[in-house]
Structures are given as C-alpha cells and as structure tokens.
Amino acid sequence: MSGYMRYLSRPKIRQIILLCLLAGAWLLLAWPSLRWLWSEWMGNDYYSHGVLVAPLALWLAWHHWPQEGKRGSPWGGLFLMVGALLLYLWWSHSQTYYLSDVALLLLLAGIGWYLAGRRALSHLTLPLLLLLLADPFPFVAGSSVPLSLFTGQLATQLVQLFGISAVVQGAEVTLPNVSLVVGAQCSGVNSIVALTTLALLLAFLFCWRWWKRSLILLSAIPVAVLGNIARVASLLAVANVWGADAGFKFYHDYSGFVFFLTALAILFVLLKGLRCRKLNAEYF
C-alpha cells in the first residue's frame, strides 16, 4: 500500500482529479451530441460498430496515457480547447451533430495536450481516429446509391467476360432467366466502413512508419469496393445458373461474410509486403 501511495504523488493526484473534472464537464457539455450519436449507432446499419469502437478507444486512451508528466507549454492545448469549444457550440446550436462530434474529439485532444503536453497527442491519435471513423457523416450514406450503380455496371461487365449474357440499365440487371436490382444494400458501404476501421487498427498495431500506416488505411477503400464488385458478379453468376431464389436468398446471406474475410486477408498480405509483421508492443 505504501508503495502505491508513493506512486500517487500529490501532483499525480491533482492531475487525476483535474482529469476527472474535465471529463465530467466534457460529458455534460457533449450530452446532446452523444445522444444523437447513440441513436445513430442503434439505427444506422453503416455505423452499428460504434458501440464496439467506443469502449476500445476509451481503453486505448487510458492504456497509453503518458506517465512521464507534462512536457512543454500548456498554451497550445488551451488554444485548441477554446477553438474546439467555440466550434462545438456553433455546430451544436445548428444541430449539425456529425460536425459537433468532430469538435468534441478536438476538445479531447486539447484536454490531453493541456494535461500531458504535446506527447499526449501521439498517444491519443489511434483512439481519436477510431472515434472519428465511427462518426456518421452524411456523405457515407449518401454514397450508397451511386456506388450501387457503379457496382452494378462493373459487375455486369465482369460476368459478360465469362460469356454470361447480361444487360444493365440503371440499377436493373437483366439475365437470360431473371431480372435483378442492385440496390443500396449491395453498394458495399458497410464493407468500406468496417474494413477501413479494421485497417486503421491493423496499421497502428503492425506498422511503425506513418507512410506505411497511411498506405494500409487508404488501400482499405479500393479493396472493399473491388471485393464487393466481385461479390455482386458472383451473385449474378449464381442467379444465372440456379435462379434468383438461390442467388438472393441463400448465396446473398453468406457471400458477404466470405468476401469480407477475403478483403481482410488481402490487407494482411499488404502488411506482409510492407514488412509490417511485428506487433507494436506500445499497444499492449
């Protein structure tokens, strides 16, 4: 017990108390945006992973909190806190909650900077980026329709290369025995959001250089898009041979999981190609 009390020196105790007070004030201030965010996680299929990402980000932030004390001037953190607070009040007042959530993340970064110096920002980068990817930006859902049309066009051209007679007009694909509609649920947005989140986590766990982390993160989007095009093309092939029921009732339900695992395996191949093979001990 005495050793534990020596570890909790008076400056350390004051820092913990200040952190708890700032966290309580942040939660009270952020309640309207957090309530909206929770409703989105519960009702938006594209961001249902948010309920898993939030505890993970919280654990990472706590686990990586700098222990060596504050370095540098706290003024930068104070300026960031004030700027983020003004942005939050503006966006929250206009009920632009997806932007007010971004301001809340900047406010958290400012608090970390103020309490532990600029070094805290490097420790908080991964949890803050994970939370940013769990923020339901409207352009993500809005991209589902044009992306589904793009997917339908390329998937049709792909099956045509294998001798299958298929014609696409808008969202409708006509096969010799059946006509199918490539709707928003086939856009691949779910896969893009989920794979990008996993790519971010893998990039920080296995890569040490920023350019390698950025490459892994950016590769998640084309890998997810191409994987979804291949999935829709295979669905069209199944429907062409065995009919729409086989394609959309049985194959459709299981193929998404299989192709997502394939896309994830491609990310691991990229990690190996970039020589990102050793786990970063900093995150354990």
C-alpha atoms as a PDB file:
ATOM      1  CA  MET A   1       0.000   0.000   0.000  1.00  0.00           C
ATOM      2  CA  SER A   2       2.806   2.379   0.903  1.00  0.00           C
ATOM      3  CA  GLY A   3       4.431   1.830  -2.499  1.00  0.00           C
ATOM      4  CA  TYR A   4       1.124   2.568  -4.215  1.00  0.00           C
ATOM      5  CA  MET A   5       0.734   5.782  -2.194  1.00  0.00           C
ATOM      6  CA  ARG A   6       4.255   6.863  -3.115  1.00  0.00           C
ATOM      7  CA  TYR A   7       3.353   6.308  -6.770  1.00  0.00           C
ATOM      8  CA  LEU A   8       0.301   8.534  -6.343  1.00  0.00           C
ATOM      9  CA  SER A   9       2.233  11.675  -5.528  1.00  0.00           C
ATOM     10  CA  ARG A  10       0.425  14.947  -4.923  1.00  0.00           C
ATOM     11  CA  PRO A  11       0.988  16.224  -8.491  1.00  0.00           C
ATOM     12  CA  LYS A  12      -0.298  12.883  -9.785  1.00  0.00           C
ATOM     13  CA  ILE A  13      -3.386  13.054  -7.568  1.00  0.00           C
ATOM     14  CA  ARG A  14      -4.056  16.627  -8.694  1.00  0.00           C
ATOM     15  CA  GLN A  15      -3.754  15.539 -12.340  1.00  0.00           C
ATOM     16  CA  ILE A  16      -6.234  12.682 -11.808  1.00  0.00           C
ATOM     17  CA  ILE A  17      -8.706  14.999 -10.055  1.00  0.00           C
ATOM     18  CA  LEU A  18      -8.366  17.596 -12.829  1.00  0.00           C
ATOM     19  CA  LEU A  19      -8.813  14.893 -15.471  1.00  0.00           C
ATOM     20  CA  CYS A  20     -11.994  13.645 -13.762  1.00  0.00           C
ATOM     21  CA  LEU A  21     -13.389  17.182 -13.520  1.00  0.00           C
ATOM     22  CA  LEU A  22     -12.634  17.902 -17.169  1.00  0.00           C
ATOM     23  CA  ALA A  23     -14.128  14.544 -18.215  1.00  0.00           C
ATOM     24  CA  GLY A  24     -17.309  15.290 -16.250  1.00  0.00           C
ATOM     25  CA  ALA A  25     -17.599  18.753 -17.781  1.00  0.00           C
ATOM     26  CA  TRP A  26     -16.984  17.285 -21.243  1.00  0.00           C
ATOM     27  CA  LEU A  27     -19.735  14.683 -20.777  1.00  0.00           C
ATOM     28  CA  LEU A  28     -22.206  17.302 -19.551  1.00  0.00           C
ATOM     29  CA  LEU A  29     -21.408  19.604 -22.454  1.00  0.00           C
ATOM     30  CA  ALA A  30     -21.403  16.793 -25.024  1.00  0.00           C
ATOM     31  CA  TRP A  31     -24.687  15.180 -23.965  1.00  0.00           C
ATOM     32  CA  PRO A  32     -26.836  16.421 -26.930  1.00  0.00           C
ATOM     33  CA  SER A  33     -24.300  15.227 -29.495  1.00  0.00           C
ATOM     34  CA  LEU A  34     -23.652  11.965 -27.671  1.00  0.00           C
ATOM     35  CA  ARG A  35     -27.386  11.243 -27.523  1.00  0.00           C
ATOM     36  CA  TRP A  36     -27.639  11.782 -31.284  1.00  0.00           C
ATOM     37  CA  LEU A  37     -24.555   9.634 -31.840  1.00  0.00           C
ATOM     38  CA  TRP A  38     -26.005   6.785 -29.793  1.00  0.00           C
ATOM     39  CA  SER A  39     -29.276   6.877 -31.760  1.00  0.00           C
ATOM     40  CA  GLU A  40     -27.257   6.697 -34.995  1.00  0.00           C
ATOM     41  CA  TRP A  41     -25.272   3.723 -33.767  1.00  0.00           C
ATOM     42  CA  MET A  42     -28.503   1.970 -32.857  1.00  0.00           C
ATOM     43  CA  GLY A  43     -30.388   2.808 -36.055  1.00  0.00           C
ATOM     44  CA  ASN A  44     -27.772   3.285 -38.782  1.00  0.00           C
ATOM     45  CA  ASP A  45     -26.556  -0.063 -40.162  1.00  0.00           C
ATOM     46  CA  TYR A  46     -23.416   1.577 -41.537  1.00  0.00           C
ATOM     47  CA  TYR A  47     -22.259   2.602 -38.050  1.00  0.00           C
ATOM     48  CA  SER A  48     -23.540  -0.118 -35.725  1.00  0.00           C
ATOM     49  CA  HIS A  49     -19.878  -0.934 -34.980  1.00  0.00           C
ATOM     50  CA  GLY A  50     -19.666   2.308 -32.994  1.00  0.00           C
ATOM     51  CA  VAL A  51     -20.836   0.572 -29.800  1.00  0.00           C
ATOM     52  CA  LEU A  52     -17.713  -1.631 -30.026  1.00  0.00           C
ATOM     53  CA  VAL A  53     -15.305   1.060 -31.177  1.00  0.00           C
ATOM     54  CA  ALA A  54     -16.092   3.492 -28.342  1.00  0.00           C
ATOM     55  CA  PRO A  55     -15.028   1.174 -25.450  1.00  0.00           C
ATOM     56  CA  LEU A  56     -11.942   0.117 -27.412  1.00  0.00           C
ATOM     57  CA  ALA A  57     -10.946   3.750 -27.989  1.00  0.00           C
ATOM     58  CA  LEU A  58     -11.513   4.553 -24.313  1.00  0.00           C
ATOM     59  CA  TRP A  59      -9.311   1.629 -23.238  1.00  0.00           C
ATOM     60  CA  LEU A  60      -6.560   2.618 -25.678  1.00  0.00           C
ATOM     61  CA  ALA A  61      -6.600   6.221 -24.449  1.00  0.00           C
ATOM     62  CA  TRP A  62      -6.365   5.121 -20.814  1.00  0.00           C
ATOM     63  CA  HIS A  63      -3.754   2.457 -21.510  1.00  0.00           C
ATOM     64  CA  HIS A  64      -1.495   4.834 -23.460  1.00  0.00           C
ATOM     65  CA  TRP A  65      -1.857   7.873 -21.239  1.00  0.00           C
ATOM     66  CA  PRO A  66       1.652   9.345 -20.770  1.00  0.00           C
ATOM     67  CA  GLN A  67       3.145   8.548 -17.372  1.00  0.00           C
ATOM     68  CA  GLU A  68       6.179  10.793 -17.511  1.00  0.00           C
ATOM     69  CA  GLY A  69       4.332  14.035 -16.823  1.00  0.00           C
ATOM     70  CA  LYS A  70       3.721  17.208 -18.790  1.00  0.00           C
ATOM     71  CA  ARG A  71       6.204  18.409 -21.368  1.00  0.00           C
ATOM     72  CA  GLY A  72       6.187  21.814 -22.942  1.00  0.00           C
ATOM     73  CA  SER A  73       3.814  24.723 -22.539  1.00  0.00           C
ATOM     74  CA  PRO A  74       0.078  24.053 -21.963  1.00  0.00           C
ATOM     75  CA  TRP A  75      -0.892  27.079 -24.061  1.00  0.00           C
ATOM     76  CA  GLY A  76      -1.264  25.052 -27.233  1.00  0.00           C
ATOM     77  CA  GLY A  77      -3.725  22.755 -25.505  1.00  0.00           C
ATOM     78  CA  LEU A  78      -5.654  25.729 -24.131  1.00  0.00           C
ATOM     79  CA  PHE A  79      -5.926  27.340 -27.586  1.00  0.00           C
ATOM     80  CA  LEU A  80      -7.110  24.050 -29.082  1.00  0.00           C
ATOM     81  CA  MET A  81      -9.674  23.610 -26.286  1.00  0.00           C
ATOM     82  CA  VAL A  82     -11.072  27.123 -26.785  1.00  0.00           C
ATOM     83  CA  GLY A  83     -11.231  26.768 -30.570  1.00  0.00           C
ATOM     84  CA  ALA A  84     -12.875  23.341 -30.340  1.00  0.00           C
ATOM     85  CA  LEU A  85     -15.358  24.618 -27.756  1.00  0.00           C
ATOM     86  CA  LEU A  86     -16.422  27.507 -29.998  1.00  0.00           C
ATOM     87  CA  LEU A  87     -16.832  25.147 -32.964  1.00  0.00           C
ATOM     88  CA  TYR A  88     -18.837  22.729 -30.841  1.00  0.00           C
ATOM     89  CA  LEU A  89     -21.207  25.441 -29.594  1.00  0.00           C
ATOM     90  CA  TRP A  90     -21.742  26.691 -33.163  1.00  0.00           C
ATOM     91  CA  TRP A  91     -22.380  23.270 -34.717  1.00  0.00           C
ATOM     92  CA  SER A  92     -24.410  22.040 -31.780  1.00  0.00           C
ATOM     93  CA  HIS A  93     -26.634  25.120 -31.937  1.00  0.00           C
ATOM     94  CA  SER A  94     -27.245  24.492 -35.650  1.00  0.00           C
ATOM     95  CA  GLN A  95     -27.850  20.779 -34.843  1.00  0.00           C
ATOM     96  CA  THR A  96     -25.074  19.713 -37.206  1.00  0.00           C
ATOM     97  CA  TYR A  97     -24.219  16.917 -34.848  1.00  0.00           C
ATOM     98  CA  TYR A  98     -21.808  14.993 -37.023  1.00  0.00           C
ATOM     99  CA  LEU A  99     -19.587  18.103 -37.067  1.00  0.00           C
ATOM    100  CA  SER A 100     -20.130  18.827 -33.378  1.00  0.00           C
ATOM    101  CA  ASP A 101     -18.830  15.308 -32.723  1.00  0.00           C
ATOM    102  CA  VAL A 102     -15.638  16.249 -34.577  1.00  0.00           C
ATOM    103  CA  ALA A 103     -15.342  19.327 -32.365  1.00  0.00           C
ATOM    104  CA  LEU A 104     -15.707  17.102 -29.301  1.00  0.00           C
ATOM    105  CA  LEU A 105     -12.786  14.982 -30.489  1.00  0.00           C
ATOM    106  CA  LEU A 106     -10.695  18.130 -30.961  1.00  0.00           C
ATOM    107  CA  LEU A 107     -11.702  19.175 -27.461  1.00  0.00           C
ATOM    108  CA  LEU A 108     -10.483  15.823 -26.119  1.00  0.00           C
ATOM    109  CA  ALA A 109      -7.198  16.319 -27.963  1.00  0.00           C
ATOM    110  CA  GLY A 110      -6.877  19.771 -26.395  1.00  0.00           C
ATOM    111  CA  ILE A 111      -7.536  18.377 -22.917  1.00  0.00           C
ATOM    112  CA  GLY A 112      -4.878  15.715 -23.435  1.00  0.00           C
ATOM    113  CA  TRP A 113      -2.419  18.333 -24.699  1.00  0.00           C
ATOM    114  CA  TYR A 114      -3.111  20.596 -21.720  1.00  0.00           C
ATOM    115  CA  LEU A 115      -2.742  17.832 -19.120  1.00  0.00           C
ATOM    116  CA  ALA A 116       0.214  15.886 -20.530  1.00  0.00           C
ATOM    117  CA  GLY A 117       1.822  18.038 -23.198  1.00  0.00           C
ATOM    118  CA  ARG A 118       2.156  17.515 -26.929  1.00  0.00           C
ATOM    119  CA  ARG A 119       3.381  13.973 -26.370  1.00  0.00           C
ATOM    120  CA  ALA A 120      -0.183  13.078 -25.389  1.00  0.00           C
ATOM    121  CA  LEU A 121      -1.353  13.788 -28.937  1.00  0.00           C
ATOM    122  CA  SER A 122       0.718  10.924 -30.340  1.00  0.00           C
ATOM    123  CA  HIS A 123      -0.698   8.597 -27.677  1.00  0.00           C
ATOM    124  CA  LEU A 124      -4.272   9.706 -28.418  1.00  0.00           C
ATOM    125  CA  THR A 125      -4.027   9.552 -32.219  1.00  0.00           C
ATOM    126  CA  LEU A 126      -5.326   5.994 -32.622  1.00  0.00           C
ATOM    127  CA  PRO A 127      -8.329   6.245 -30.240  1.00  0.00           C
ATOM    128  CA  LEU A 128      -9.341   9.626 -31.681  1.00  0.00           C
ATOM    129  CA  LEU A 129      -9.116   8.337 -35.268  1.00  0.00           C
ATOM    130  CA  LEU A 130     -11.172   5.269 -34.331  1.00  0.00           C
ATOM    131  CA  LEU A 131     -13.868   7.527 -32.888  1.00  0.00           C
ATOM    132  CA  LEU A 132     -13.711   9.737 -35.982  1.00  0.00           C
ATOM    133  CA  LEU A 133     -14.408   6.721 -38.204  1.00  0.00           C
ATOM    134  CA  ALA A 134     -17.428   5.943 -36.003  1.00  0.00           C
ATOM    135  CA  ASP A 135     -18.900   9.409 -36.644  1.00  0.00           C
ATOM    136  CA  PRO A 136     -21.857   9.039 -39.087  1.00  0.00           C
ATOM    137  CA  PHE A 137     -21.004  11.540 -41.804  1.00  0.00           C
ATOM    138  CA  PRO A 138     -23.986  12.006 -44.166  1.00  0.00           C
ATOM    139  CA  PHE A 139     -21.902  11.647 -47.326  1.00  0.00           C
ATOM    140  CA  VAL A 140     -21.241   7.996 -46.396  1.00  0.00           C
ATOM    141  CA  ALA A 141     -24.912   7.022 -46.516  1.00  0.00           C
ATOM    142  CA  GLY A 142     -25.410   9.344 -49.492  1.00  0.00           C
ATOM    143  CA  SER A 143     -22.783   7.460 -51.481  1.00  0.00           C
ATOM    144  CA  SER A 144     -24.697   4.171 -51.299  1.00  0.00           C
ATOM    145  CA  VAL A 145     -26.918   4.797 -54.351  1.00  0.00           C
ATOM    146  CA  PRO A 146     -24.228   5.995 -56.812  1.00  0.00           C
ATOM    147  CA  LEU A 147     -21.867   3.313 -55.514  1.00  0.00           C
ATOM    148  CA  SER A 148     -24.513   0.623 -56.049  1.00  0.00           C
ATOM    149  CA  LEU A 149     -24.981   1.817 -59.639  1.00  0.00           C
ATOM    150  CA  PHE A 150     -21.217   1.748 -60.177  1.00  0.00           C
ATOM    151  CA  THR A 151     -21.031  -1.727 -58.678  1.00  0.00           C
ATOM    152  CA  GLY A 152     -23.869  -2.993 -60.880  1.00  0.00           C
ATOM    153  CA  GLN A 153     -22.210  -1.651 -64.022  1.00  0.00           C
ATOM    154  CA  LEU A 154     -18.799  -3.208 -63.339  1.00  0.00           C
ATOM    155  CA  ALA A 155     -20.222  -6.483 -62.016  1.00  0.00           C
ATOM    156  CA  THR A 156     -22.277  -6.859 -65.219  1.00  0.00           C
ATOM    157  CA  GLN A 157     -19.226  -6.197 -67.384  1.00  0.00           C
ATOM    158  CA  LEU A 158     -17.293  -8.750 -65.351  1.00  0.00           C
ATOM    159  CA  VAL A 159     -19.814 -11.555 -65.881  1.00  0.00           C
ATOM    160  CA  GLN A 160     -20.006 -10.668 -69.567  1.00  0.00           C
ATOM    161  CA  LEU A 161     -16.290 -11.516 -69.808  1.00  0.00           C
ATOM    162  CA  PHE A 162     -17.201 -15.071 -68.776  1.00  0.00           C
ATOM    163  CA  GLY A 163     -19.800 -15.410 -71.525  1.00  0.00           C
ATOM    164  CA  ILE A 164     -22.912 -14.652 -69.463  1.00  0.00           C
ATOM    165  CA  SER A 165     -25.498 -12.642 -71.366  1.00  0.00           C
ATOM    166  CA  ALA A 166     -26.330  -9.704 -69.091  1.00  0.00           C
ATOM    167  CA  VAL A 167     -27.656  -6.213 -69.721  1.00  0.00           C
ATOM    168  CA  VAL A 168     -27.611  -3.414 -67.171  1.00  0.00           C
ATOM    169  CA  GLN A 169     -29.896  -0.390 -67.227  1.00  0.00           C
ATOM    170  CA  GLY A 170     -29.653   1.848 -64.202  1.00  0.00           C
ATOM    171  CA  ALA A 171     -29.905  -0.383 -61.140  1.00  0.00           C
ATOM    172  CA  GLU A 172     -31.566  -3.268 -63.013  1.00  0.00           C
ATOM    173  CA  VAL A 173     -29.510  -6.151 -64.385  1.00  0.00           C
ATOM    174  CA  THR A 174     -31.257  -8.437 -66.862  1.00  0.00           C
ATOM    175  CA  LEU A 175     -30.071 -12.030 -67.199  1.00  0.00           C
ATOM    176  CA  PRO A 176     -31.470 -14.606 -69.625  1.00  0.00           C
ATOM    177  CA  ASN A 177     -33.733 -16.118 -66.961  1.00  0.00           C
ATOM    178  CA  VAL A 178     -34.283 -13.317 -64.453  1.00  0.00           C
ATOM    179  CA  SER A 179     -34.019  -9.572 -63.829  1.00  0.00           C
ATOM    180  CA  LEU A 180     -32.326  -8.308 -60.662  1.00  0.00           C
ATOM    181  CA  VAL A 181     -31.989  -4.924 -58.986  1.00  0.00           C
ATOM    182  CA  VAL A 182     -28.664  -3.920 -57.441  1.00  0.00           C
ATOM    183  CA  GLY A 183     -29.926  -1.803 -54.574  1.00  0.00           C
ATOM    184  CA  ALA A 184     -28.255   0.345 -51.932  1.00  0.00           C
ATOM    185  CA  GLN A 185     -27.711  -2.726 -49.747  1.00  0.00           C
ATOM    186  CA  CYS A 186     -25.332  -4.017 -52.425  1.00  0.00           C
ATOM    187  CA  SER A 187     -23.304  -0.789 -52.550  1.00  0.00           C
ATOM    188  CA  GLY A 188     -20.588  -2.131 -50.263  1.00  0.00           C
ATOM    189  CA  VAL A 189     -20.687   0.878 -47.918  1.00  0.00           C
ATOM    190  CA  ASN A 190     -20.935  -1.456 -44.917  1.00  0.00           C
ATOM    191  CA  SER A 191     -17.783  -3.238 -46.017  1.00  0.00           C
ATOM    192  CA  ILE A 192     -15.946   0.027 -46.686  1.00  0.00           C
ATOM    193  CA  VAL A 193     -16.706   1.442 -43.230  1.00  0.00           C
ATOM    194  CA  ALA A 194     -15.905  -1.801 -41.387  1.00  0.00           C
ATOM    195  CA  LEU A 195     -12.765  -2.602 -43.385  1.00  0.00           C
ATOM    196  CA  THR A 196     -11.429   0.958 -43.031  1.00  0.00           C
ATOM    197  CA  THR A 197     -11.847   0.744 -39.255  1.00  0.00           C
ATOM    198  CA  LEU A 198     -10.022  -2.594 -39.123  1.00  0.00           C
ATOM    199  CA  ALA A 199      -7.327  -1.279 -41.480  1.00  0.00           C
ATOM    200  CA  LEU A 200      -6.699   1.653 -39.129  1.00  0.00           C
ATOM    201  CA  LEU A 201      -6.335  -0.695 -36.180  1.00  0.00           C
ATOM    202  CA  LEU A 202      -4.043  -3.079 -38.086  1.00  0.00           C
ATOM    203  CA  ALA A 203      -1.926  -0.202 -39.395  1.00  0.00           C
ATOM    204  CA  PHE A 204      -1.168   1.023 -35.876  1.00  0.00           C
ATOM    205  CA  LEU A 205      -0.683  -2.474 -34.472  1.00  0.00           C
ATOM    206  CA  PHE A 206       1.772  -3.666 -37.119  1.00  0.00           C
ATOM    207  CA  CYS A 207       3.295  -0.613 -38.829  1.00  0.00           C
ATOM    208  CA  TRP A 208       5.758   1.810 -37.278  1.00  0.00           C
ATOM    209  CA  ARG A 209       6.145   4.378 -40.063  1.00  0.00           C
ATOM    210  CA  TRP A 210       3.394   6.850 -40.915  1.00  0.00           C
ATOM    211  CA  TRP A 211       3.619   6.343 -44.677  1.00  0.00           C
ATOM    212  CA  LYS A 212       3.026   2.612 -44.246  1.00  0.00           C
ATOM    213  CA  ARG A 213       0.089   3.239 -41.921  1.00  0.00           C
ATOM    214  CA  SER A 214      -1.403   5.692 -44.426  1.00  0.00           C
ATOM    215  CA  LEU A 215      -0.957   3.236 -47.296  1.00  0.00           C
ATOM    216  CA  ILE A 216      -2.728   0.438 -45.409  1.00  0.00           C
ATOM    217  CA  LEU A 217      -5.572   2.770 -44.428  1.00  0.00           C
ATOM    218  CA  LEU A 218      -6.046   4.160 -47.941  1.00  0.00           C
ATOM    219  CA  SER A 219      -5.920   0.688 -49.509  1.00  0.00           C
ATOM    220  CA  ALA A 220      -8.946  -0.433 -47.481  1.00  0.00           C
ATOM    221  CA  ILE A 221     -11.395   1.512 -49.665  1.00  0.00           C
ATOM    222  CA  PRO A 222     -10.398   0.120 -53.111  1.00  0.00           C
ATOM    223  CA  VAL A 223     -10.028  -3.370 -51.628  1.00  0.00           C
ATOM    224  CA  ALA A 224     -13.547  -3.189 -50.182  1.00  0.00           C
ATOM    225  CA  VAL A 225     -15.011  -1.758 -53.412  1.00  0.00           C
ATOM    226  CA  LEU A 226     -13.351  -4.349 -55.654  1.00  0.00           C
ATOM    227  CA  GLY A 227     -14.315  -7.140 -53.265  1.00  0.00           C
ATOM    228  CA  ASN A 228     -17.939  -6.030 -53.364  1.00  0.00           C
ATOM    229  CA  ILE A 229     -17.914  -5.868 -57.172  1.00  0.00           C
ATOM    230  CA  ALA A 230     -16.578  -9.433 -57.268  1.00  0.00           C
ATOM    231  CA  ARG A 231     -19.288 -10.490 -54.795  1.00  0.00           C
ATOM    232  CA  VAL A 232     -22.112  -8.964 -56.867  1.00  0.00           C
ATOM    233  CA  ALA A 233     -20.662 -10.511 -60.022  1.00  0.00           C
ATOM    234  CA  SER A 234     -20.596 -13.935 -58.380  1.00  0.00           C
ATOM    235  CA  LEU A 235     -24.165 -13.372 -57.194  1.00  0.00           C
ATOM    236  CA  LEU A 236     -25.214 -12.654 -60.780  1.00  0.00           C
ATOM    237  CA  ALA A 237     -23.472 -15.832 -61.925  1.00  0.00           C
ATOM    238  CA  VAL A 238     -25.264 -17.904 -59.266  1.00  0.00           C
ATOM    239  CA  ALA A 239     -28.609 -16.339 -60.184  1.00  0.00           C
ATOM    240  CA  ASN A 240     -27.932 -17.038 -63.868  1.00  0.00           C
ATOM    241  CA  VAL A 241     -27.315 -20.745 -63.218  1.00  0.00           C
ATOM    242  CA  TRP A 242     -29.635 -21.563 -60.300  1.00  0.00           C
ATOM    243  CA  GLY A 243     -32.173 -18.730 -60.354  1.00  0.00           C
ATOM    244  CA  ALA A 244     -32.957 -15.631 -58.310  1.00  0.00           C
ATOM    245  CA  ASP A 245     -34.008 -17.532 -55.180  1.00  0.00           C
ATOM    246  CA  ALA A 246     -30.647 -19.273 -54.912  1.00  0.00           C
ATOM    247  CA  GLY A 247     -28.785 -16.042 -55.582  1.00  0.00           C
ATOM    248  CA  PHE A 248     -30.691 -13.682 -53.293  1.00  0.00           C
ATOM    249  CA  LYS A 249     -31.932 -15.946 -50.513  1.00  0.00           C
ATOM    250  CA  PHE A 250     -29.072 -18.341 -49.823  1.00  0.00           C
ATOM    251  CA  TYR A 251     -25.914 -17.101 -51.537  1.00  0.00           C
ATOM    252  CA  HIS A 252     -26.576 -13.430 -50.765  1.00  0.00           C
ATOM    253  CA  ASP A 253     -26.727 -14.037 -46.999  1.00  0.00           C
ATOM    254  CA  TYR A 254     -23.396 -15.872 -46.744  1.00  0.00           C
ATOM    255  CA  SER A 255     -21.281 -14.425 -49.555  1.00  0.00           C
ATOM    256  CA  GLY A 256     -20.895 -11.038 -47.853  1.00  0.00           C
ATOM    257  CA  PHE A 257     -19.107 -12.582 -44.889  1.00  0.00           C
ATOM    258  CA  VAL A 258     -16.863 -14.697 -47.127  1.00  0.00           C
ATOM    259  CA  PHE A 259     -15.830 -11.797 -49.347  1.00  0.00           C
ATOM    260  CA  PHE A 260     -15.226  -9.539 -46.331  1.00  0.00           C
ATOM    261  CA  LEU A 261     -12.836 -12.115 -44.867  1.00  0.00           C
ATOM    262  CA  THR A 262     -11.129 -12.281 -48.260  1.00  0.00           C
ATOM    263  CA  ALA A 263     -10.695  -8.494 -48.305  1.00  0.00           C
ATOM    264  CA  LEU A 264      -9.293  -8.644 -44.766  1.00  0.00           C
ATOM    265  CA  ALA A 265      -6.837 -11.336 -45.880  1.00  0.00           C
ATOM    266  CA  ILE A 266      -5.678  -9.006 -48.678  1.00  0.00           C
ATOM    267  CA  LEU A 267      -4.891  -6.366 -46.056  1.00  0.00           C
ATOM    268  CA  PHE A 268      -2.730  -8.882 -44.213  1.00  0.00           C
ATOM    269  CA  VAL A 269      -0.929  -9.654 -47.482  1.00  0.00           C
ATOM    270  CA  LEU A 270      -0.268  -5.911 -47.909  1.00  0.00           C
ATOM    271  CA  LEU A 271       1.033  -5.739 -44.348  1.00  0.00           C
ATOM    272  CA  LYS A 272       3.420  -8.586 -45.104  1.00  0.00           C
ATOM    273  CA  GLY A 273       4.502  -6.921 -48.351  1.00  0.00           C
ATOM    274  CA  LEU A 274       5.306  -3.723 -46.435  1.00  0.00           C
ATOM    275  CA  ARG A 275       7.235  -5.814 -43.882  1.00  0.00           C
ATOM    276  CA  CYS A 276       4.796  -4.900 -41.119  1.00  0.00           C
ATOM    277  CA  ARG A 277       4.971  -8.249 -39.381  1.00  0.00           C
ATOM    278  CA  LYS A 278       5.885  -7.485 -35.788  1.00  0.00           C
ATOM    279  CA  LEU A 279       3.246  -6.343 -33.328  1.00  0.00           C
ATOM    280  CA  ASN A 280       3.751  -2.874 -31.910  1.00  0.00           C
ATOM    281  CA  ALA A 281       4.329  -3.516 -28.202  1.00  0.00           C
ATOM    282  CA  GLU A 282       3.209   0.043 -27.415  1.00  0.00           C
ATOM    283  CA  TYR A 283      -0.435  -1.029 -27.814  1.00  0.00           C
ATOM    284  CA  PHE A 284      -0.293  -3.946 -25.365  1.00  0.00           C
END
